[in-house]
Amino acid sequence: MYGSDAKNSLEPAEFKQMVQGIREVEQALNSSLSKDIITEKVKDMKDIFEKSLVASKDLAKDTAISEDCLAYKKQGDGIKAKDYERVLGKKLKKDVPQDHKFSWDDLE
């Protein structure tokens, strides 16, 4: 058929499919699934694939951390790479070797 609303109209089978899709979305939105439980279950795997901040070279005590002092390596069980800006400018409490995985205890 022709007409101004022909592009927006549905055949009965198409309308049924649209309603089924709406019902599936409603069911998904009303699901009692807890993302916190899922997050906890995959935490170990997430740590494996995330990256931590490590020393890009040997660094001496009292060195102020700059971007060239940092490298990013797996596993993500140290200071997270996404937190690098919080580390910049902080001073080291001790000497650290290259590839040392930083912890907050290393920094003043």
PDB file of N, CA and C in Angstrom:
ATOM      1  N   MET A   1       0.838  -1.191   0.000  1.00  0.00           N
ATOM      2  CA  MET A   1       0.000   0.000   0.000  1.00  0.00           C
ATOM      3  C   MET A   1       0.875   1.245   0.000  1.00  0.00           C
ATOM      4  N   TYR A   2       0.252   2.275  -0.453  1.00  0.00           N
ATOM      5  CA  TYR A   2       0.928   3.557  -0.468  1.00  0.00           C
ATOM      6  C   TYR A   2       0.253   4.486   0.520  1.00  0.00           C
ATOM      7  N   GLY A   3       1.002   5.429   1.022  1.00  0.00           N
ATOM      8  CA  GLY A   3       0.446   6.407   1.945  1.00  0.00           C
ATOM      9  C   GLY A   3       1.542   6.973   2.816  1.00  0.00           C
ATOM     10  N   SER A   4       1.225   8.034   3.505  1.00  0.00           N
ATOM     11  CA  SER A   4       2.241   8.726   4.303  1.00  0.00           C
ATOM     12  C   SER A   4       2.722   7.896   5.492  1.00  0.00           C
ATOM     13  N   ASP A   5       1.909   6.962   5.981  1.00  0.00           N
ATOM     14  CA  ASP A   5       2.311   6.165   7.146  1.00  0.00           C
ATOM     15  C   ASP A   5       2.728   4.740   6.779  1.00  0.00           C
ATOM     16  N   ALA A   6       2.860   4.436   5.507  1.00  0.00           N
ATOM     17  CA  ALA A   6       3.171   3.074   5.070  1.00  0.00           C
ATOM     18  C   ALA A   6       4.525   2.601   5.612  1.00  0.00           C
ATOM     19  N   LYS A   7       5.495   3.501   5.747  1.00  0.00           N
ATOM     20  CA  LYS A   7       6.816   3.120   6.254  1.00  0.00           C
ATOM     21  C   LYS A   7       6.748   2.708   7.728  1.00  0.00           C
ATOM     22  N   ASN A   8       5.764   3.204   8.455  1.00  0.00           N
ATOM     23  CA  ASN A   8       5.655   2.948   9.885  1.00  0.00           C
ATOM     24  C   ASN A   8       4.681   1.832  10.235  1.00  0.00           C
ATOM     25  N   SER A   9       4.016   1.284   9.267  1.00  0.00           N
ATOM     26  CA  SER A   9       3.021   0.260   9.559  1.00  0.00           C
ATOM     27  C   SER A   9       3.662  -1.121   9.570  1.00  0.00           C
ATOM     28  N   LEU A  10       3.037  -2.065  10.278  1.00  0.00           N
ATOM     29  CA  LEU A  10       3.546  -3.426  10.408  1.00  0.00           C
ATOM     30  C   LEU A  10       2.482  -4.419   9.970  1.00  0.00           C
ATOM     31  N   GLU A  11       2.936  -5.511   9.422  1.00  0.00           N
ATOM     32  CA  GLU A  11       2.060  -6.639   9.143  1.00  0.00           C
ATOM     33  C   GLU A  11       1.811  -7.355  10.469  1.00  0.00           C
ATOM     34  N   PRO A  12       0.762  -8.164  10.576  1.00  0.00           N
ATOM     35  CA  PRO A  12       0.482  -8.847  11.844  1.00  0.00           C
ATOM     36  C   PRO A  12       1.669  -9.647  12.394  1.00  0.00           C
ATOM     37  N   ALA A  13       2.407 -10.352  11.552  1.00  0.00           N
ATOM     38  CA  ALA A  13       3.558 -11.135  12.028  1.00  0.00           C
ATOM     39  C   ALA A  13       4.661 -10.219  12.559  1.00  0.00           C
ATOM     40  N   GLU A  14       4.865  -9.085  11.895  1.00  0.00           N
ATOM     41  CA  GLU A  14       5.879  -8.126  12.352  1.00  0.00           C
ATOM     42  C   GLU A  14       5.461  -7.484  13.679  1.00  0.00           C
ATOM     43  N   PHE A  15       4.157  -7.194  13.807  1.00  0.00           N
ATOM     44  CA  PHE A  15       3.650  -6.618  15.058  1.00  0.00           C
ATOM     45  C   PHE A  15       3.835  -7.609  16.202  1.00  0.00           C
ATOM     46  N   LYS A  16       3.563  -8.876  15.959  1.00  0.00           N
ATOM     47  CA  LYS A  16       3.736  -9.922  16.978  1.00  0.00           C
ATOM     48  C   LYS A  16       5.202  -9.994  17.417  1.00  0.00           C
ATOM     49  N   GLN A  17       6.107  -9.922  16.446  1.00  0.00           N
ATOM     50  CA  GLN A  17       7.544  -9.967  16.752  1.00  0.00           C
ATOM     51  C   GLN A  17       7.951  -8.754  17.595  1.00  0.00           C
ATOM     52  N   MET A  18       7.409  -7.573  17.283  1.00  0.00           N
ATOM     53  CA  MET A  18       7.728  -6.371  18.051  1.00  0.00           C
ATOM     54  C   MET A  18       7.241  -6.510  19.497  1.00  0.00           C
ATOM     55  N   VAL A  19       6.028  -7.010  19.681  1.00  0.00           N
ATOM     56  CA  VAL A  19       5.481  -7.186  21.026  1.00  0.00           C
ATOM     57  C   VAL A  19       6.317  -8.194  21.805  1.00  0.00           C
ATOM     58  N   GLN A  20       6.727  -9.282  21.168  1.00  0.00           N
ATOM     59  CA  GLN A  20       7.579 -10.270  21.843  1.00  0.00           C
ATOM     60  C   GLN A  20       8.891  -9.618  22.290  1.00  0.00           C
ATOM     61  N   GLY A  21       9.464  -8.781  21.430  1.00  0.00           N
ATOM     62  CA  GLY A  21      10.696  -8.070  21.782  1.00  0.00           C
ATOM     63  C   GLY A  21      10.500  -7.156  22.977  1.00  0.00           C
ATOM     64  N   ILE A  22       9.382  -6.454  23.008  1.00  0.00           N
ATOM     65  CA  ILE A  22       9.073  -5.574  24.142  1.00  0.00           C
ATOM     66  C   ILE A  22       8.960  -6.390  25.426  1.00  0.00           C
ATOM     67  N   ARG A  23       8.278  -7.522  25.358  1.00  0.00           N
ATOM     68  CA  ARG A  23       8.120  -8.380  26.550  1.00  0.00           C
ATOM     69  C   ARG A  23       9.474  -8.890  27.044  1.00  0.00           C
ATOM     70  N   GLU A  24      10.380  -9.223  26.125  1.00  0.00           N
ATOM     71  CA  GLU A  24      11.714  -9.681  26.521  1.00  0.00           C
ATOM     72  C   GLU A  24      12.487  -8.560  27.217  1.00  0.00           C
ATOM     73  N   VAL A  25      12.384  -7.349  26.700  1.00  0.00           N
ATOM     74  CA  VAL A  25      13.055  -6.206  27.320  1.00  0.00           C
ATOM     75  C   VAL A  25      12.472  -5.944  28.704  1.00  0.00           C
ATOM     76  N   GLU A  26      11.140  -6.012  28.840  1.00  0.00           N
ATOM     77  CA  GLU A  26      10.511  -5.830  30.152  1.00  0.00           C
ATOM     78  C   GLU A  26      11.022  -6.860  31.150  1.00  0.00           C
ATOM     79  N   GLN A  27      11.128  -8.095  30.694  1.00  0.00           N
ATOM     80  CA  GLN A  27      11.613  -9.167  31.565  1.00  0.00           C
ATOM     81  C   GLN A  27      13.055  -8.906  31.985  1.00  0.00           C
ATOM     82  N   ALA A  28      13.877  -8.471  31.050  1.00  0.00           N
ATOM     83  CA  ALA A  28      15.285  -8.191  31.369  1.00  0.00           C
ATOM     84  C   ALA A  28      15.397  -7.032  32.368  1.00  0.00           C
ATOM     85  N   LEU A  29      14.579  -5.999  32.177  1.00  0.00           N
ATOM     86  CA  LEU A  29      14.632  -4.850  33.083  1.00  0.00           C
ATOM     87  C   LEU A  29      14.145  -5.196  34.485  1.00  0.00           C
ATOM     88  N   ASN A  30      13.263  -6.156  34.589  1.00  0.00           N
ATOM     89  CA  ASN A  30      12.725  -6.548  35.892  1.00  0.00           C
ATOM     90  C   ASN A  30      13.491  -7.708  36.530  1.00  0.00           C
ATOM     91  N   SER A  31      14.590  -8.096  35.929  1.00  0.00           N
ATOM     92  CA  SER A  31      15.376  -9.214  36.428  1.00  0.00           C
ATOM     93  C   SER A  31      15.989  -8.861  37.773  1.00  0.00           C
ATOM     94  N   SER A  32      16.056  -9.846  38.644  1.00  0.00           N
ATOM     95  CA  SER A  32      16.650  -9.621  39.971  1.00  0.00           C
ATOM     96  C   SER A  32      18.148  -9.935  39.983  1.00  0.00           C
ATOM     97  N   LEU A  33      18.735 -10.082  38.826  1.00  0.00           N
ATOM     98  CA  LEU A  33      20.150 -10.385  38.705  1.00  0.00           C
ATOM     99  C   LEU A  33      20.977  -9.282  39.358  1.00  0.00           C
ATOM    100  N   SER A  34      21.879  -9.661  40.223  1.00  0.00           N
ATOM    101  CA  SER A  34      22.728  -8.695  40.926  1.00  0.00           C
ATOM    102  C   SER A  34      24.087  -8.598  40.232  1.00  0.00           C
ATOM    103  N   LYS A  35      24.375  -7.422  39.711  1.00  0.00           N
ATOM    104  CA  LYS A  35      25.671  -7.217  39.059  1.00  0.00           C
ATOM    105  C   LYS A  35      26.810  -7.300  40.076  1.00  0.00           C
ATOM    106  N   ASP A  36      26.530  -6.973  41.334  1.00  0.00           N
ATOM    107  CA  ASP A  36      27.560  -7.061  42.371  1.00  0.00           C
ATOM    108  C   ASP A  36      28.026  -8.504  42.551  1.00  0.00           C
ATOM    109  N   ILE A  37      27.091  -9.455  42.486  1.00  0.00           N
ATOM    110  CA  ILE A  37      27.447 -10.867  42.629  1.00  0.00           C
ATOM    111  C   ILE A  37      28.305 -11.305  41.448  1.00  0.00           C
ATOM    112  N   ILE A  38      27.923 -10.898  40.247  1.00  0.00           N
ATOM    113  CA  ILE A  38      28.694 -11.264  39.054  1.00  0.00           C
ATOM    114  C   ILE A  38      30.081 -10.642  39.130  1.00  0.00           C
ATOM    115  N   THR A  39      30.155  -9.378  39.525  1.00  0.00           N
ATOM    116  CA  THR A  39      31.439  -8.688  39.631  1.00  0.00           C
ATOM    117  C   THR A  39      32.364  -9.425  40.595  1.00  0.00           C
ATOM    118  N   GLU A  40      31.832  -9.847  41.717  1.00  0.00           N
ATOM    119  CA  GLU A  40      32.642 -10.569  42.708  1.00  0.00           C
ATOM    120  C   GLU A  40      33.135 -11.900  42.139  1.00  0.00           C
ATOM    121  N   LYS A  41      32.313 -12.556  41.348  1.00  0.00           N
ATOM    122  CA  LYS A  41      32.691 -13.852  40.783  1.00  0.00           C
ATOM    123  C   LYS A  41      33.822 -13.728  39.765  1.00  0.00           C
ATOM    124  N   VAL A  42      33.892 -12.603  39.057  1.00  0.00           N
ATOM    125  CA  VAL A  42      34.919 -12.446  38.020  1.00  0.00           C
ATOM    126  C   VAL A  42      36.078 -11.561  38.472  1.00  0.00           C
ATOM    127  N   LYS A  43      36.116 -11.197  39.755  1.00  0.00           N
ATOM    128  CA  LYS A  43      37.169 -10.307  40.259  1.00  0.00           C
ATOM    129  C   LYS A  43      38.569 -10.846  39.993  1.00  0.00           C
ATOM    130  N   ASP A  44      38.782 -12.139  40.262  1.00  0.00           N
ATOM    131  CA  ASP A  44      40.112 -12.705  40.042  1.00  0.00           C
ATOM    132  C   ASP A  44      40.509 -12.611  38.573  1.00  0.00           C
ATOM    133  N   MET A  45      39.569 -12.887  37.685  1.00  0.00           N
ATOM    134  CA  MET A  45      39.864 -12.815  36.261  1.00  0.00           C
ATOM    135  C   MET A  45      40.124 -11.363  35.852  1.00  0.00           C
ATOM    136  N   LYS A  46      39.358 -10.440  36.411  1.00  0.00           N
ATOM    137  CA  LYS A  46      39.544  -9.027  36.094  1.00  0.00           C
ATOM    138  C   LYS A  46      40.942  -8.578  36.497  1.00  0.00           C
ATOM    139  N   ASP A  47      41.396  -8.983  37.684  1.00  0.00           N
ATOM    140  CA  ASP A  47      42.747  -8.622  38.129  1.00  0.00           C
ATOM    141  C   ASP A  47      43.816  -9.158  37.183  1.00  0.00           C
ATOM    142  N   ILE A  48      43.592 -10.336  36.633  1.00  0.00           N
ATOM    143  CA  ILE A  48      44.570 -10.926  35.710  1.00  0.00           C
ATOM    144  C   ILE A  48      44.713 -10.079  34.449  1.00  0.00           C
ATOM    145  N   PHE A  49      43.597  -9.557  33.952  1.00  0.00           N
ATOM    146  CA  PHE A  49      43.626  -8.843  32.677  1.00  0.00           C
ATOM    147  C   PHE A  49      43.845  -7.343  32.808  1.00  0.00           C
ATOM    148  N   GLU A  50      43.644  -6.781  33.995  1.00  0.00           N
ATOM    149  CA  GLU A  50      43.925  -5.362  34.185  1.00  0.00           C
ATOM    150  C   GLU A  50      45.422  -5.154  34.379  1.00  0.00           C
ATOM    151  N   LYS A  51      45.844  -3.910  34.314  1.00  0.00           N
ATOM    152  CA  LYS A  51      47.262  -3.593  34.480  1.00  0.00           C
ATOM    153  C   LYS A  51      47.485  -2.765  35.728  1.00  0.00           C
ATOM    154  N   SER A  52      48.682  -2.932  36.289  1.00  0.00           N
ATOM    155  CA  SER A  52      49.122  -2.184  37.463  1.00  0.00           C
ATOM    156  C   SER A  52      50.251  -1.245  37.067  1.00  0.00           C
ATOM    157  N   LEU A  53      50.487  -0.265  37.921  1.00  0.00           N
ATOM    158  CA  LEU A  53      51.624   0.637  37.719  1.00  0.00           C
ATOM    159  C   LEU A  53      52.892  -0.038  38.219  1.00  0.00           C
ATOM    160  N   VAL A  54      53.939   0.003  37.401  1.00  0.00           N
ATOM    161  CA  VAL A  54      55.247  -0.525  37.781  1.00  0.00           C
ATOM    162  C   VAL A  54      56.301   0.518  37.443  1.00  0.00           C
ATOM    163  N   ALA A  55      57.457   0.376  38.057  1.00  0.00           N
ATOM    164  CA  ALA A  55      58.570   1.288  37.777  1.00  0.00           C
ATOM    165  C   ALA A  55      59.142   0.978  36.400  1.00  0.00           C
ATOM    166  N   SER A  56      59.297   1.997  35.586  1.00  0.00           N
ATOM    167  CA  SER A  56      59.849   1.803  34.237  1.00  0.00           C
ATOM    168  C   SER A  56      61.365   1.667  34.262  1.00  0.00           C
ATOM    169  N   LYS A  57      61.974   1.997  35.400  1.00  0.00           N
ATOM    170  CA  LYS A  57      63.434   1.934  35.575  1.00  0.00           C
ATOM    171  C   LYS A  57      63.717   1.900  37.067  1.00  0.00           C
ATOM    172  N   ASP A  58      64.950   1.675  37.436  1.00  0.00           N
ATOM    173  CA  ASP A  58      65.333   1.747  38.847  1.00  0.00           C
ATOM    174  C   ASP A  58      65.098   3.177  39.333  1.00  0.00           C
ATOM    175  N   LEU A  59      64.466   3.297  40.491  1.00  0.00           N
ATOM    176  CA  LEU A  59      64.161   4.625  41.029  1.00  0.00           C
ATOM    177  C   LEU A  59      64.664   4.731  42.465  1.00  0.00           C
ATOM    178  N   ALA A  60      65.242   5.883  42.781  1.00  0.00           N
ATOM    179  CA  ALA A  60      65.810   6.106  44.108  1.00  0.00           C
ATOM    180  C   ALA A  60      64.769   6.693  45.058  1.00  0.00           C
ATOM    181  N   LYS A  61      65.013   6.458  46.332  1.00  0.00           N
ATOM    182  CA  LYS A  61      64.179   7.044  47.388  1.00  0.00           C
ATOM    183  C   LYS A  61      64.071   8.547  47.157  1.00  0.00           C
ATOM    184  N   ASP A  62      62.921   9.121  47.467  1.00  0.00           N
ATOM    185  CA  ASP A  62      62.616  10.545  47.339  1.00  0.00           C
ATOM    186  C   ASP A  62      62.417  11.022  45.899  1.00  0.00           C
ATOM    187  N   THR A  63      62.455  10.106  44.929  1.00  0.00           N
ATOM    188  CA  THR A  63      62.160  10.487  43.541  1.00  0.00           C
ATOM    189  C   THR A  63      60.694  10.866  43.451  1.00  0.00           C
ATOM    190  N   ALA A  64      60.433  12.009  42.810  1.00  0.00           N
ATOM    191  CA  ALA A  64      59.054  12.417  42.545  1.00  0.00           C
ATOM    192  C   ALA A  64      58.598  11.669  41.287  1.00  0.00           C
ATOM    193  N   ILE A  65      57.487  10.985  41.385  1.00  0.00           N
ATOM    194  CA  ILE A  65      57.008  10.154  40.274  1.00  0.00           C
ATOM    195  C   ILE A  65      56.497  11.040  39.140  1.00  0.00           C
ATOM    196  N   SER A  66      57.032  10.786  37.954  1.00  0.00           N
ATOM    197  CA  SER A  66      56.562  11.449  36.738  1.00  0.00           C
ATOM    198  C   SER A  66      56.145  10.357  35.753  1.00  0.00           C
ATOM    199  N   GLU A  67      55.550  10.750  34.649  1.00  0.00           N
ATOM    200  CA  GLU A  67      55.059   9.762  33.691  1.00  0.00           C
ATOM    201  C   GLU A  67      56.177   8.862  33.167  1.00  0.00           C
ATOM    202  N   ASP A  68      57.385   9.409  33.011  1.00  0.00           N
ATOM    203  CA  ASP A  68      58.471   8.579  32.470  1.00  0.00           C
ATOM    204  C   ASP A  68      58.987   7.560  33.493  1.00  0.00           C
ATOM    205  N   CYS A  69      58.545   7.655  34.740  1.00  0.00           N
ATOM    206  CA  CYS A  69      58.908   6.680  35.773  1.00  0.00           C
ATOM    207  C   CYS A  69      57.967   5.470  35.760  1.00  0.00           C
ATOM    208  N   LEU A  70      56.868   5.577  35.025  1.00  0.00           N
ATOM    209  CA  LEU A  70      55.815   4.571  35.088  1.00  0.00           C
ATOM    210  C   LEU A  70      55.748   3.702  33.849  1.00  0.00           C
ATOM    211  N   ALA A  71      55.432   2.453  34.075  1.00  0.00           N
ATOM    212  CA  ALA A  71      55.078   1.507  33.016  1.00  0.00           C
ATOM    213  C   ALA A  71      53.818   0.793  33.494  1.00  0.00           C
ATOM    214  N   TYR A  72      53.173   0.084  32.608  1.00  0.00           N
ATOM    215  CA  TYR A  72      51.890  -0.558  32.918  1.00  0.00           C
ATOM    216  C   TYR A  72      51.980  -2.021  32.533  1.00  0.00           C
ATOM    217  N   LYS A  73      51.805  -2.894  33.512  1.00  0.00           N
ATOM    218  CA  LYS A  73      51.935  -4.328  33.254  1.00  0.00           C
ATOM    219  C   LYS A  73      50.850  -5.105  33.966  1.00  0.00           C
ATOM    220  N   LYS A  74      50.550  -6.262  33.389  1.00  0.00           N
ATOM    221  CA  LYS A  74      49.618  -7.183  34.039  1.00  0.00           C
ATOM    222  C   LYS A  74      50.334  -7.808  35.205  1.00  0.00           C
ATOM    223  N   GLN A  75      49.789  -8.069  36.155  1.00  0.00           N
ATOM    224  CA  GLN A  75      48.453  -8.319  36.608  1.00  0.00           C
ATOM    225  C   GLN A  75      47.986  -7.112  37.393  1.00  0.00           C
ATOM    226  N   GLY A  76      46.703  -6.863  37.431  1.00  0.00           N
ATOM    227  CA  GLY A  76      46.149  -5.658  38.033  1.00  0.00           C
ATOM    228  C   GLY A  76      45.911  -5.728  39.518  1.00  0.00           C
ATOM    229  N   ASP A  77      46.838  -6.312  40.256  1.00  0.00           N
ATOM    230  CA  ASP A  77      46.632  -6.434  41.702  1.00  0.00           C
ATOM    231  C   ASP A  77      47.446  -5.419  42.501  1.00  0.00           C
ATOM    232  N   GLY A  78      48.053  -4.451  41.815  1.00  0.00           N
ATOM    233  CA  GLY A  78      48.754  -3.361  42.486  1.00  0.00           C
ATOM    234  C   GLY A  78      47.920  -2.093  42.338  1.00  0.00           C
ATOM    235  N   ILE A  79      48.587  -0.935  42.272  1.00  0.00           N
ATOM    236  CA  ILE A  79      47.859   0.305  41.987  1.00  0.00           C
ATOM    237  C   ILE A  79      47.410   0.214  40.534  1.00  0.00           C
ATOM    238  N   LYS A  80      46.137   0.398  40.299  1.00  0.00           N
ATOM    239  CA  LYS A  80      45.568   0.247  38.961  1.00  0.00           C
ATOM    240  C   LYS A  80      46.130   1.297  38.006  1.00  0.00           C
ATOM    241  N   ALA A  81      46.344   0.905  36.771  1.00  0.00           N
ATOM    242  CA  ALA A  81      46.856   1.819  35.756  1.00  0.00           C
ATOM    243  C   ALA A  81      45.960   3.050  35.609  1.00  0.00           C
ATOM    244  N   LYS A  82      44.663   2.876  35.780  1.00  0.00           N
ATOM    245  CA  LYS A  82      43.738   4.002  35.642  1.00  0.00           C
ATOM    246  C   LYS A  82      43.954   5.061  36.720  1.00  0.00           C
ATOM    247  N   ASP A  83      44.671   4.723  37.801  1.00  0.00           N
ATOM    248  CA  ASP A  83      44.923   5.658  38.899  1.00  0.00           C
ATOM    249  C   ASP A  83      46.267   6.372  38.779  1.00  0.00           C
ATOM    250  N   TYR A  84      46.884   6.318  37.600  1.00  0.00           N
ATOM    251  CA  TYR A  84      48.237   6.870  37.460  1.00  0.00           C
ATOM    252  C   TYR A  84      48.303   8.353  37.819  1.00  0.00           C
ATOM    253  N   GLU A  85      47.254   9.121  37.537  1.00  0.00           N
ATOM    254  CA  GLU A  85      47.300  10.560  37.833  1.00  0.00           C
ATOM    255  C   GLU A  85      47.394  10.833  39.334  1.00  0.00           C
ATOM    256  N   ARG A  86      46.855   9.931  40.136  1.00  0.00           N
ATOM    257  CA  ARG A  86      46.924  10.092  41.595  1.00  0.00           C
ATOM    258  C   ARG A  86      48.337   9.845  42.112  1.00  0.00           C
ATOM    259  N   VAL A  87      49.162   9.157  41.325  1.00  0.00           N
ATOM    260  CA  VAL A  87      50.526   8.811  41.726  1.00  0.00           C
ATOM    261  C   VAL A  87      51.517   9.899  41.320  1.00  0.00           C
ATOM    262  N   LEU A  88      51.219  10.598  40.225  1.00  0.00           N
ATOM    263  CA  LEU A  88      52.141  11.615  39.711  1.00  0.00           C
ATOM    264  C   LEU A  88      52.433  12.672  40.775  1.00  0.00           C
ATOM    265  N   GLY A  89      53.729  12.976  40.930  1.00  0.00           N
ATOM    266  CA  GLY A  89      54.163  13.989  41.885  1.00  0.00           C
ATOM    267  C   GLY A  89      54.445  13.454  43.280  1.00  0.00           C
ATOM    268  N   LYS A  90      53.992  12.259  43.586  1.00  0.00           N
ATOM    269  CA  LYS A  90      54.263  11.677  44.906  1.00  0.00           C
ATOM    270  C   LYS A  90      55.724  11.220  44.948  1.00  0.00           C
ATOM    271  N   LYS A  91      56.298  11.205  46.164  1.00  0.00           N
ATOM    272  CA  LYS A  91      57.694  10.798  46.328  1.00  0.00           C
ATOM    273  C   LYS A  91      57.774   9.376  46.855  1.00  0.00           C
ATOM    274  N   LEU A  92      58.848   8.701  46.446  1.00  0.00           N
ATOM    275  CA  LEU A  92      59.077   7.329  46.904  1.00  0.00           C
ATOM    276  C   LEU A  92      59.641   7.311  48.314  1.00  0.00           C
ATOM    277  N   LYS A  93      59.172   6.380  49.117  1.00  0.00           N
ATOM    278  CA  LYS A  93      59.679   6.200  50.478  1.00  0.00           C
ATOM    279  C   LYS A  93      60.941   5.354  50.500  1.00  0.00           C
ATOM    280  N   LYS A  94      61.220   4.641  49.404  1.00  0.00           N
ATOM    281  CA  LYS A  94      62.370   3.727  49.359  1.00  0.00           C
ATOM    282  C   LYS A  94      62.827   3.564  47.920  1.00  0.00           C
ATOM    283  N   ASP A  95      64.014   3.015  47.738  1.00  0.00           N
ATOM    284  CA  ASP A  95      64.487   2.664  46.401  1.00  0.00           C
ATOM    285  C   ASP A  95      63.624   1.535  45.860  1.00  0.00           C
ATOM    286  N   VAL A  96      63.327   1.581  44.550  1.00  0.00           N
ATOM    287  CA  VAL A  96      62.591   0.480  43.931  1.00  0.00           C
ATOM    288  C   VAL A  96      63.288   0.098  42.625  1.00  0.00           C
ATOM    289  N   PRO A  97      63.332  -1.194  42.318  1.00  0.00           N
ATOM    290  CA  PRO A  97      63.955  -1.635  41.071  1.00  0.00           C
ATOM    291  C   PRO A  97      62.980  -1.524  39.905  1.00  0.00           C
ATOM    292  N   GLN A  98      63.540  -1.604  38.709  1.00  0.00           N
ATOM    293  CA  GLN A  98      62.700  -1.625  37.506  1.00  0.00           C
ATOM    294  C   GLN A  98      61.690  -2.768  37.627  1.00  0.00           C
ATOM    295  N   ASP A  99      60.488  -2.542  37.148  1.00  0.00           N
ATOM    296  CA  ASP A  99      59.374  -3.506  37.156  1.00  0.00           C
ATOM    297  C   ASP A  99      58.772  -3.729  38.541  1.00  0.00           C
ATOM    298  N   HIS A 100      59.190  -2.951  39.533  1.00  0.00           N
ATOM    299  CA  HIS A 100      58.567  -3.038  40.857  1.00  0.00           C
ATOM    300  C   HIS A 100      57.103  -2.627  40.717  1.00  0.00           C
ATOM    301  N   LYS A 101      56.197  -3.451  41.218  1.00  0.00           N
ATOM    302  CA  LYS A 101      54.773  -3.140  41.183  1.00  0.00           C
ATOM    303  C   LYS A 101      54.472  -2.212  42.361  1.00  0.00           C
ATOM    304  N   PHE A 102      54.022  -0.999  42.045  1.00  0.00           N
ATOM    305  CA  PHE A 102      53.785  -0.007  43.088  1.00  0.00           C
ATOM    306  C   PHE A 102      52.594  -0.360  43.959  1.00  0.00           C
ATOM    307  N   SER A 103      52.737  -0.026  45.245  1.00  0.00           N
ATOM    308  CA  SER A 103      51.615  -0.068  46.189  1.00  0.00           C
ATOM    309  C   SER A 103      51.552   1.316  46.821  1.00  0.00           C
ATOM    310  N   TRP A 104      50.426   1.623  47.441  1.00  0.00           N
ATOM    311  CA  TRP A 104      50.293   2.929  48.079  1.00  0.00           C
ATOM    312  C   TRP A 104      51.285   3.096  49.216  1.00  0.00           C
ATOM    313  N   ASP A 105      51.758   1.996  49.799  1.00  0.00           N
ATOM    314  CA  ASP A 105      52.744   2.072  50.878  1.00  0.00           C
ATOM    315  C   ASP A 105      54.116   2.549  50.395  1.00  0.00           C
ATOM    316  N   ASP A 106      54.363   2.480  49.089  1.00  0.00           N
ATOM    317  CA  ASP A 106      55.650   2.930  48.530  1.00  0.00           C
ATOM    318  C   ASP A 106      55.738   4.438  48.430  1.00  0.00           C
ATOM    319  N   LEU A 107      54.614   5.131  48.552  1.00  0.00           N
ATOM    320  CA  LEU A 107      54.553   6.545  48.233  1.00  0.00           C
ATOM    321  C   LEU A 107      54.224   7.408  49.440  1.00  0.00           C
ATOM    322  N   GLU A 108      54.825   8.624  49.444  1.00  0.00           N
ATOM    323  CA  GLU A 108      54.524   9.599  50.505  1.00  0.00           C
ATOM    324  C   GLU A 108      53.338  10.438  50.099  1.00  0.00           C
TER     325      GLU A 108
END
